[in-house]
Every structure is written in structure tokens, then in C-alpha cells.
Amino acid sequence: MNRSWTHKYRMPQVLFEVLPNILACNMYITLPPGAGYYQKMLVSKSDCTIELQDGETFVIKIPKGSYLVPNSATGIIQKENIITARAAISEMTSLISTLSGDILSTNITSSMDTELSSSMSDSLVSAHCKQCLKHLCTNIKFRRVLPLPSVDWDQASEGWFCHLHAEDGHKLKPASLQPEHDECFYTELFFLIHPRMMDFINAEHNGCTISCSGCKMILGEKTSQSIKLWAQNLSWLQDDGKIIYDRSISEILLSLFHNIDRDNFGVNCRLVLQPLTMAKKYLYMVTMNTNQKLLVSDVPQCVSSETILKKSNKEKEGSQVNGAPTKKLRVASEKEICLKKVYAIKLLYLVKEDEDEQTGEWVDDVNVHIIPCSNSFFQEVKCILENSSHCLPDNIRAIENMSLGYIIK
């Protein structure tokens, strides 16, 4: 197939970053490979039209509730296949964006604790591996299912006692928040159960590591006081098959940021993921905006505004009128891209493969949350962040030595 023809039927990737505080939006449009350079950009209230030098045209449709100021596009630059620009937004768009973001933020995890505790307490529940769906345990009943104070309570509790009474703190901690045989404690990242429960779990354990007996995925770890099962690898069900808990990596990460940010009193949330099996590896994240509104291109359904008269034009070309061949019709191709509205956490992140002065500062800073996690969770979060900014130009994707990323809500 002719590659110069196929690129015309691939759609651009579009990301508009709405900035309600300054009544503007940053526009990032990644053209398909080989699409050439833009010739004209026209902005109206509800769409943005990009005309390329070869005559191909893309019409970017803005969703309801977001409105651009007509003819307001400025700073239009194309570097390779990425077009960047800025356009003004209406005051109504700014107000709607701010209110919607606040409502979404307050509702995102407000009912998780109460729903999970009530659904799992005094009920027959089962758990299965999320990857291969193999049952790990069936018909288990917990008398109490309660949330731990925070995901990093163990590290935060270092400040419970001054250095003169640190020994008292170390004596208290192991027994203070450890579950009994009929209890289950949980955070955003893990479930904590009593070691006796291993008798009822269909899993393999090699030393401290607990793995699925089916797909061999690591499910958690065993200590002398408790068993820690990683939340991202488990699904909990009631005896009637109804799913109680089944969260994706993104959902867990959003909940994590929401709960930590709630206690930060306006300060940017800073946390570090640290895999338990790789103590010298760090993923540092600092939030820039916890309610960033984005307009992103949806999966294209079809070319909705094609004006090419395919077969009929081919038939007309070369046909004769009054004995003379007709002129070939030159018809432009126009494609429509519909954007959808999403909210995201916008953040900067940095991966460290070894300890240095900067990682030492993170550990010593009481405002930085050091969060131990599984290696798979660490890698999945890193992958999500890297993929979230692939349509941004290089000069936007990185700020000094840190990278820009989004977590879609």
C-alpha cells in the first residue's frame, strides 16, 4: 500500500490543557508521520481547524461546556510533527472547569473506606488473582475490616516519640496496628491479614514472597506479625459473586494522591515510591495541579466529513462531455476529531536508580512521603507517567531534570 496515501487516513493526537486562572488553553497537536506542515489554523467558539500545506484539513471539535474565543490562537509553532499554540477560553469555561474539578476531587474516594469496611465485615468473601483469575481463598469471614491511618503510617510513626523515648516507640509499633486472626486492615496499596490466614490461601510462598500458584505473579509478602497482600493484584468478591474490590493502578494512584494531598493544607503533594525488593530505587513525584482539565482526542470513529467522491469521481475522471475529456476534480479531504473532557493530576516526576544527596534529602524531609510498594506497582506507575506525555513536544515534556506526566481521573 502506498505510504503517502495511508498517512492521510491516520488521525492526529490532540491534547488541550485548560488553564482557567489565566483564561487560556495550551494546544498540542501531533500530526501523523509524513503529514507535512500546517498552513493555517483557525479558531472558532466550538472548534479549531488545521489546514495542511497539501490541502488536507483537520477539524477539532470542542466538547460542550468548553468554549474558545474566536480568532485567539497565538504562538503557533510546528516542530517536526507537533504543533503547539495557545488560545483564549471564555469566562464561562473557566468557571465550569474550576467547579467541576472541585466536585470530582471531593467525590473520588469519599465512600471507599465505609463501603469496603461494611461489605467485607461479617460476610463470606473470596479473593482471586487479578491476572489469571485463580481463586486464592474462598468463604473467609472477617469480624472487622478497617482502614489503617495512612499508607505510610509506619514511616510517619517515627515521629511519635522523641529520640529520648524512641525505644518505647519501637516496642509499641509492631503490636499497635497488626490484625488479629479474624481482622483485615487495608490501605490504598495493600491488605494486611494475620499470618494464620496462610492456611486458607491457595498460593505459593518462597521465603517471605507470596506468589499465585497459577500465573506465579507476586501477590504479597509474609512477616512475623502479618501478611501483606498487594491491592493492585487482588479482587475481592462476596459469596454471590458481586465484586467488592477491583481497582486499577491508576485508581489506586489517584486515591493515594487524594488522601495524602488532603492532609497537606495547600502544599504541593510530594511522594516517593520505593520498591521493597530494590531499596535504592526511587520514583519521586510532586503535584503541579490536582484538578487539571484536559481536552483529549477520543478514539476516531470514522472520517465524518470526507468530501472525496471516491468511486463517482474516478468514474467521472476521463469521461467525455461533448467529445472533450472533463477536467479532473480537485477535492480537499476534511477530517473531524472530537475531543472529550477529562480531569487529571498533573505532576513532575524523577526516577533515581541509586542513592545520592537528593534521595537523602527526600528521606529526611518530613513533607515527603516515602511509600514502600511492590516492584510491579513501581514499574506500572512509571509506564503510565511515561505514556501520558508522549504527544507533548520535548521542550514541554521535561522541566529541568524532571519529566511531566498526567494521571487521568
Protein backbone atom coordinates (compact mmCIF):
# COMPACT_ATOMS: atom_id res chain seq x y z
CA MET A 1 0.00 0.00 0.00
CA ASN A 2 1.23 3.49 -0.85
CA ARG A 3 2.55 5.05 2.39
CA SER A 4 1.90 8.59 1.14
CA TRP A 5 -1.77 7.63 0.89
CA THR A 6 -2.08 5.75 4.17
CA HIS A 7 -0.84 8.62 6.36
CA LYS A 8 -3.81 10.72 5.27
CA TYR A 9 -6.13 8.27 6.97
CA ARG A 10 -4.38 8.35 10.31
CA MET A 11 -5.69 10.88 12.77
CA PRO A 12 -3.67 13.39 14.78
CA GLN A 13 -3.39 13.06 18.54
CA VAL A 14 -4.71 16.14 20.33
CA LEU A 15 -4.27 17.40 23.89
CA PHE A 16 -5.61 20.79 25.04
CA GLU A 17 -4.61 21.83 28.55
CA VAL A 18 -7.22 24.20 30.00
CA LEU A 19 -5.84 26.95 32.25
CA PRO A 20 -8.87 28.61 33.90
CA ASN A 21 -6.82 31.00 36.06
CA ILE A 22 -5.47 32.84 33.01
CA LEU A 23 -8.45 32.19 30.69
CA ALA A 24 -6.35 30.23 28.19
CA CYS A 25 -5.59 26.76 26.93
CA ASN A 26 -2.37 25.26 25.65
CA MET A 27 -2.86 23.29 22.44
CA TYR A 28 -0.68 20.31 21.44
CA ILE A 29 -1.47 18.60 18.14
CA THR A 30 0.65 15.66 17.00
CA LEU A 31 0.24 15.08 13.25
CA PRO A 32 0.54 11.61 11.68
CA PRO A 33 4.00 10.74 10.30
CA GLY A 34 4.57 12.26 6.88
CA ALA A 35 1.65 14.69 7.17
CA GLY A 36 3.82 17.73 6.35
CA TYR A 37 3.47 21.25 7.72
CA TYR A 38 0.43 23.29 8.65
CA GLN A 39 -0.58 26.23 6.53
CA LYS A 40 -3.38 27.77 8.54
CA MET A 41 -5.01 27.47 11.98
CA LEU A 42 -8.48 28.90 12.55
CA VAL A 43 -10.15 29.02 15.98
CA SER A 44 -13.89 29.45 16.49
CA LYS A 45 -16.07 29.08 19.58
CA SER A 46 -16.51 25.32 19.31
CA ASP A 47 -13.76 24.06 17.01
CA CYS A 48 -10.23 24.53 15.78
CA THR A 49 -9.37 23.93 12.10
CA ILE A 50 -5.88 22.92 10.96
CA GLU A 51 -5.16 23.18 7.23
CA LEU A 52 -2.01 21.48 5.97
CA GLN A 53 0.06 22.58 3.02
CA ASP A 54 -1.08 19.59 0.96
CA GLY A 55 -4.70 20.71 1.34
CA GLU A 56 -5.67 18.17 3.99
CA THR A 57 -7.80 19.67 6.78
CA PHE A 58 -8.49 18.55 10.35
CA VAL A 59 -11.44 19.99 12.26
CA ILE A 60 -11.00 19.59 16.04
CA LYS A 61 -14.40 19.70 17.77
CA ILE A 62 -14.52 21.11 21.32
CA PRO A 63 -16.93 19.35 23.74
CA LYS A 64 -19.90 21.19 25.27
CA GLY A 65 -19.07 23.26 28.33
CA SER A 66 -15.73 24.39 26.89
CA TYR A 67 -15.61 27.40 24.59
CA LEU A 68 -12.74 29.10 22.82
CA VAL A 69 -12.54 32.79 21.96
CA PRO A 70 -12.73 33.02 18.15
CA ASN A 71 -9.54 34.04 16.29
CA SER A 72 -7.49 33.94 19.51
CA ALA A 73 -4.76 31.45 18.54
CA THR A 74 -1.27 32.80 19.20
CA GLY A 75 2.30 31.49 19.32
CA ILE A 76 1.68 28.83 16.67
CA ILE A 77 4.83 26.75 16.23
CA GLN A 78 5.43 23.45 14.46
CA LYS A 79 8.48 21.36 15.36
CA GLU A 80 8.68 18.16 13.36
CA ASN A 81 5.14 16.75 13.53
CA ILE A 82 3.94 18.57 16.70
CA ILE A 83 2.02 21.85 16.51
CA THR A 84 1.85 23.96 19.68
CA ALA A 85 -0.29 27.05 20.19
CA ARG A 86 -2.30 28.92 22.81
CA ALA A 87 -5.89 30.13 22.57
CA ALA A 88 -8.12 32.12 24.89
CA ILE A 89 -11.11 30.49 26.62
CA SER A 90 -14.35 32.12 27.73
CA GLU A 91 -15.01 33.12 31.33
CA MET A 92 -17.85 30.59 31.47
CA THR A 93 -15.42 27.81 30.54
CA SER A 94 -13.08 28.93 33.33
CA LEU A 95 -15.88 28.85 35.92
CA ILE A 96 -17.22 25.45 34.81
CA SER A 97 -13.73 23.93 34.78
CA THR A 98 -12.96 25.07 38.32
CA LEU A 99 -16.28 23.94 39.82
CA SER A 100 -16.28 20.55 38.05
CA GLY A 101 -12.72 19.83 39.16
CA ASP A 102 -13.53 20.60 42.80
CA ILE A 103 -16.64 18.37 42.80
CA LEU A 104 -14.75 15.48 41.19
CA SER A 105 -11.91 15.78 43.70
CA THR A 106 -14.20 15.58 46.73
CA ASN A 107 -16.12 12.58 45.38
CA ILE A 108 -13.24 10.45 44.12
CA THR A 109 -12.60 8.43 47.29
CA SER A 110 -15.15 9.76 49.77
CA SER A 111 -17.07 6.49 50.13
CA MET A 112 -14.32 3.88 49.66
CA ASP A 113 -13.50 3.35 53.33
CA THR A 114 -17.08 2.92 54.53
CA GLU A 115 -18.16 0.75 51.57
CA LEU A 116 -15.21 -1.63 51.78
CA SER A 117 -15.45 -1.98 55.56
CA SER A 118 -19.19 -2.67 55.51
CA SER A 119 -19.04 -5.04 52.51
CA MET A 120 -16.24 -7.24 53.86
CA SER A 121 -17.08 -7.28 57.57
CA ASP A 122 -19.03 -10.29 58.88
CA SER A 123 -19.62 -11.57 55.34
CA LEU A 124 -18.32 -14.56 53.42
CA VAL A 125 -15.78 -13.20 50.94
CA SER A 126 -13.38 -14.64 48.40
CA ALA A 127 -10.28 -13.34 46.68
CA HIS A 128 -8.79 -14.17 43.31
CA CYS A 129 -5.67 -13.25 41.37
CA LYS A 130 -6.47 -10.39 39.03
CA GLN A 131 -4.15 -11.69 36.31
CA CYS A 132 -5.23 -15.34 35.92
CA LEU A 133 -8.48 -15.20 37.98
CA LYS A 134 -7.37 -18.18 40.09
CA HIS A 135 -9.11 -18.32 43.47
CA LEU A 136 -6.73 -17.59 46.34
CA CYS A 137 -9.23 -18.11 49.15
CA THR A 138 -12.95 -18.77 49.43
CA ASN A 139 -15.62 -18.24 52.07
CA ILE A 140 -13.50 -16.30 54.55
CA LYS A 141 -15.23 -14.17 57.17
CA PHE A 142 -13.55 -11.18 58.83
CA ARG A 143 -15.04 -9.83 62.03
CA ARG A 144 -13.53 -6.42 61.41
CA VAL A 145 -12.23 -4.78 58.20
CA LEU A 146 -10.71 -1.37 58.92
CA PRO A 147 -8.54 1.20 57.13
CA LEU A 148 -5.08 1.93 58.52
CA PRO A 149 -4.36 5.58 59.42
CA SER A 150 -2.37 6.09 56.19
CA VAL A 151 -0.37 4.14 53.67
CA ASP A 152 2.89 5.37 55.18
CA TRP A 153 1.87 5.23 58.85
CA ASP A 154 4.87 3.05 59.71
CA GLN A 155 7.32 5.70 58.48
CA ALA A 156 5.25 8.59 59.84
CA SER A 157 5.18 6.98 63.28
CA GLU A 158 8.90 7.60 63.63
CA GLY A 159 7.83 11.00 64.94
CA TRP A 160 5.52 9.62 67.63
CA PHE A 161 8.30 9.73 70.21
CA CYS A 162 11.31 11.98 70.66
CA HIS A 163 14.78 10.49 70.35
CA LEU A 164 14.99 10.01 74.12
CA HIS A 165 11.99 7.67 74.09
CA ALA A 166 12.50 6.08 70.66
CA GLU A 167 12.78 2.65 72.26
CA ASP A 168 9.24 2.94 73.59
CA GLY A 169 8.04 3.71 70.09
CA HIS A 170 9.71 0.65 68.59
CA LYS A 171 8.11 -1.54 71.25
CA LEU A 172 4.66 -0.10 70.61
CA LYS A 173 4.61 -0.08 66.81
CA PRO A 174 4.72 -3.80 65.97
CA ALA A 175 1.72 -4.58 68.17
CA SER A 176 -0.26 -1.39 67.67
CA LEU A 177 -1.63 -1.89 64.17
CA GLN A 178 -1.37 -5.61 63.49
CA PRO A 179 -4.55 -7.57 62.69
CA GLU A 180 -5.90 -10.45 64.75
CA HIS A 181 -6.79 -13.73 63.06
CA ASP A 182 -10.31 -12.50 62.20
CA GLU A 183 -9.37 -8.96 61.17
CA CYS A 184 -8.24 -7.32 57.94
CA PHE A 185 -6.61 -3.88 57.75
CA TYR A 186 -6.03 -2.05 54.49
CA THR A 187 -4.56 1.00 52.76
CA GLU A 188 -4.59 2.15 49.15
CA LEU A 189 -1.68 -0.20 48.37
CA PHE A 190 -2.20 -3.35 50.42
CA PHE A 191 -4.37 -5.56 52.64
CA LEU A 192 -2.95 -6.70 55.98
CA ILE A 193 -4.10 -10.03 57.44
CA HIS A 194 -2.96 -12.37 60.21
CA PRO A 195 -0.24 -14.98 59.39
CA ARG A 196 -2.67 -17.77 60.39
CA MET A 197 -4.67 -16.93 57.23
CA MET A 198 -1.94 -18.53 55.12
CA ASP A 199 -3.58 -21.87 55.96
CA PHE A 200 -6.60 -20.77 53.90
CA ILE A 201 -4.76 -19.11 50.98
CA ASN A 202 -4.06 -21.13 47.84
CA ALA A 203 -0.68 -19.59 46.99
CA GLU A 204 2.99 -20.42 46.85
CA HIS A 205 5.44 -18.88 49.26
CA ASN A 206 9.18 -18.79 48.80
CA GLY A 207 10.74 -17.33 51.91
CA CYS A 208 8.88 -14.07 52.51
CA THR A 209 7.41 -13.84 49.00
CA ILE A 210 3.83 -14.97 48.30
CA SER A 211 3.02 -15.82 44.66
CA CYS A 212 -0.03 -17.01 42.75
CA SER A 213 0.09 -20.79 42.24
CA GLY A 214 -1.36 -20.30 38.77
CA CYS A 215 0.41 -17.44 36.97
CA LYS A 216 3.25 -17.03 39.53
CA MET A 217 2.56 -13.32 39.92
CA ILE A 218 3.84 -11.93 43.21
CA LEU A 219 0.85 -11.24 45.46
CA GLY A 220 2.49 -10.04 48.65
CA GLU A 221 4.96 -10.77 51.41
CA LYS A 222 4.96 -12.52 54.76
CA THR A 223 6.36 -11.12 58.01
CA SER A 224 6.38 -12.44 61.54
CA GLN A 225 3.42 -10.23 62.54
CA SER A 226 1.25 -10.19 59.40
CA ILE A 227 0.76 -10.95 55.70
CA LYS A 228 0.75 -8.02 53.28
CA LEU A 229 -1.21 -8.60 50.05
CA TRP A 230 -0.77 -6.05 47.25
CA ALA A 231 -4.08 -4.41 46.38
CA GLN A 232 -3.39 -3.99 42.63
CA ASN A 233 -3.11 -7.78 42.16
CA LEU A 234 -6.28 -8.82 44.02
CA SER A 235 -10.03 -8.76 43.55
CA TRP A 236 -12.39 -9.37 46.46
CA LEU A 237 -15.87 -10.85 45.90
CA GLN A 238 -18.90 -11.59 48.03
CA ASP A 239 -20.30 -15.12 48.17
CA ASP A 240 -22.87 -14.23 45.49
CA GLY A 241 -20.08 -13.26 43.07
CA LYS A 242 -20.53 -9.50 43.42
CA ILE A 243 -17.20 -7.68 43.17
CA ILE A 244 -16.35 -5.70 46.31
CA TYR A 245 -12.89 -4.52 45.38
CA ASP A 246 -11.16 -4.42 41.98
CA ARG A 247 -9.03 -1.34 41.38
CA SER A 248 -6.66 -0.45 38.56
CA ILE A 249 -3.19 1.01 39.07
CA SER A 250 -4.46 4.46 38.05
CA GLU A 251 -7.37 4.31 40.50
CA ILE A 252 -5.06 3.29 43.34
CA LEU A 253 -2.63 6.07 42.48
CA LEU A 254 -5.41 8.67 42.35
CA SER A 255 -6.68 7.55 45.75
CA LEU A 256 -3.15 7.68 47.12
CA PHE A 257 -2.60 11.26 45.95
CA HIS A 258 -6.06 12.35 47.08
CA ASN A 259 -5.62 11.12 50.65
CA ILE A 260 -2.11 12.47 51.05
CA ASP A 261 -2.99 15.80 49.44
CA ARG A 262 -5.97 16.14 51.78
CA ASP A 263 -3.59 16.46 54.73
CA ASN A 264 -1.10 18.79 53.05
CA PHE A 265 -3.02 22.03 53.73
CA GLY A 266 -2.38 23.59 50.32
CA VAL A 267 1.23 22.46 49.96
CA ASN A 268 2.11 20.54 46.81
CA CYS A 269 1.90 16.81 47.46
CA ARG A 270 5.28 15.07 47.28
CA LEU A 271 5.69 11.33 47.50
CA VAL A 272 8.33 8.75 46.65
CA LEU A 273 7.59 5.19 45.59
CA GLN A 274 10.29 2.75 46.68
CA PRO A 275 10.14 -0.95 45.70
CA LEU A 276 10.70 -3.21 48.68
CA THR A 277 12.94 -5.52 46.65
CA MET A 278 15.06 -2.65 45.30
CA ALA A 279 15.78 -0.38 48.24
CA LYS A 280 17.96 2.03 46.22
CA LYS A 281 15.40 2.73 43.50
CA TYR A 282 13.10 5.75 43.80
CA LEU A 283 10.22 7.35 41.85
CA TYR A 284 9.79 10.91 43.13
CA MET A 285 6.56 12.74 42.25
CA VAL A 286 5.40 16.27 43.03
CA THR A 287 1.95 17.56 42.05
CA MET A 288 1.53 20.73 40.00
CA ASN A 289 -2.26 20.64 39.68
CA THR A 290 -4.55 18.01 41.21
CA ASN A 291 -7.55 19.11 39.09
CA GLN A 292 -6.07 19.73 35.65
CA LYS A 293 -8.76 19.82 32.95
CA LEU A 294 -7.71 18.28 29.64
CA LEU A 295 -9.44 18.03 26.27
CA VAL A 296 -8.10 14.94 24.53
CA SER A 297 -8.83 13.23 21.23
CA ASP A 298 -11.18 10.30 21.52
CA VAL A 299 -10.78 7.12 19.51
CA PRO A 300 -11.80 8.24 15.99
CA GLN A 301 -14.98 6.52 14.90
CA CYS A 302 -14.73 7.37 11.23
CA VAL A 303 -13.81 10.12 8.81
CA SER A 304 -17.00 12.06 9.29
CA SER A 305 -16.54 14.94 6.87
CA GLU A 306 -14.90 13.32 3.86
CA THR A 307 -15.64 15.30 0.74
CA ILE A 308 -13.80 12.94 -1.57
CA LEU A 309 -16.27 11.44 -4.01
CA LYS A 310 -14.38 8.19 -4.30
CA LYS A 311 -15.85 5.97 -6.95
CA SER A 312 -18.02 8.57 -8.60
CA ASN A 313 -15.07 10.92 -9.09
CA LYS A 314 -12.93 8.16 -10.54
CA GLU A 315 -15.67 7.30 -12.95
CA LYS A 316 -16.09 10.93 -13.97
CA GLU A 317 -12.37 11.41 -14.47
CA GLY A 318 -11.57 10.59 -18.04
CA SER A 319 -15.20 10.60 -19.16
CA GLN A 320 -16.12 12.87 -22.03
CA VAL A 321 -18.65 15.65 -22.38
CA ASN A 322 -19.44 16.65 -25.97
CA GLY A 323 -16.44 14.71 -27.14
CA ALA A 324 -13.96 16.52 -24.83
CA PRO A 325 -12.47 15.00 -21.68
CA THR A 326 -13.57 16.62 -18.44
CA LYS A 327 -11.09 18.22 -16.08
CA LYS A 328 -10.12 16.19 -13.02
CA LEU A 329 -11.80 17.37 -9.86
CA ARG A 330 -9.55 18.53 -7.03
CA VAL A 331 -11.43 17.86 -3.82
CA ALA A 332 -9.95 18.57 -0.39
CA SER A 333 -10.03 15.98 2.41
CA GLU A 334 -11.50 17.14 5.70
CA LYS A 335 -11.43 15.00 8.82
CA GLU A 336 -13.23 15.64 12.09
CA ILE A 337 -11.67 14.93 15.50
CA CYS A 338 -13.96 15.00 18.52
CA LEU A 339 -12.34 15.87 21.85
CA LYS A 340 -13.54 14.58 25.19
CA LYS A 341 -13.17 16.26 28.59
CA VAL A 342 -11.16 14.57 31.33
CA TYR A 343 -9.58 15.69 34.59
CA ALA A 344 -6.11 14.64 35.66
CA ILE A 345 -3.39 15.11 38.23
CA LYS A 346 -0.57 16.99 36.55
CA LEU A 347 2.80 16.28 38.11
CA LEU A 348 6.54 16.22 37.71
CA TYR A 349 8.44 13.00 38.34
CA LEU A 350 12.00 11.77 38.56
CA VAL A 351 13.38 8.22 38.62
CA LYS A 352 16.53 7.52 40.61
CA GLU A 353 18.42 4.25 40.23
CA ASP A 354 20.75 4.76 43.18
CA GLU A 355 21.13 6.73 46.39
CA ASP A 356 22.68 10.19 46.31
CA GLU A 357 22.42 13.51 48.12
CA GLN A 358 18.99 14.22 46.66
CA THR A 359 17.48 10.90 47.75
CA GLY A 360 18.92 11.54 51.22
CA GLU A 361 17.07 14.86 51.33
CA TRP A 362 13.81 13.11 50.41
CA VAL A 363 14.21 10.62 53.23
CA ASP A 364 14.98 13.33 55.78
CA ASP A 365 12.18 15.70 54.67
CA VAL A 366 9.03 15.22 56.78
CA ASN A 367 6.95 16.70 53.94
CA VAL A 368 8.00 13.95 51.51
CA HIS A 369 6.04 10.71 51.88
CA ILE A 370 8.23 7.64 51.36
CA ILE A 371 5.94 4.81 50.31
CA PRO A 372 7.19 1.21 50.06
CA CYS A 373 5.49 -0.67 47.22
CA SER A 374 5.78 -3.76 45.07
CA ASN A 375 8.14 -3.78 42.11
CA SER A 376 5.23 -4.33 39.70
CA PHE A 377 3.36 -1.30 41.06
CA PHE A 378 6.51 0.82 40.70
CA GLN A 379 7.00 -0.24 37.08
CA GLU A 380 3.32 0.20 36.15
CA VAL A 381 3.20 3.74 37.58
CA LYS A 382 6.41 4.62 35.75
CA CYS A 383 4.91 3.31 32.50
CA ILE A 384 1.66 5.26 32.99
CA LEU A 385 3.55 8.51 33.52
CA GLU A 386 5.85 7.97 30.53
CA ASN A 387 2.95 7.19 28.18
CA SER A 388 0.83 10.12 29.39
CA SER A 389 3.04 12.78 27.78
CA HIS A 390 4.09 11.15 24.51
CA CYS A 391 2.08 13.66 22.45
CA LEU A 392 3.84 16.66 24.02
CA PRO A 393 6.89 18.33 22.43
CA ASP A 394 10.26 17.61 24.01
CA ASN A 395 10.66 21.10 25.47
CA ILE A 396 7.32 20.73 27.32
CA ARG A 397 7.77 17.08 28.33
CA ALA A 398 10.80 17.82 30.51
CA ILE A 399 11.36 20.64 33.01
CA GLU A 400 14.99 20.87 34.12
CA ASN A 401 15.85 17.32 35.23
CA MET A 402 12.25 16.20 35.81
CA SER A 403 9.60 14.83 33.45
CA LEU A 404 5.98 15.93 33.06
CA GLY A 405 3.16 13.42 33.43
CA TYR A 406 -0.61 13.09 33.90
CA ILE A 407 -2.76 10.64 35.83
CA ILE A 408 -6.23 10.63 34.29
CA LYS A 409 -9.13 10.54 36.77
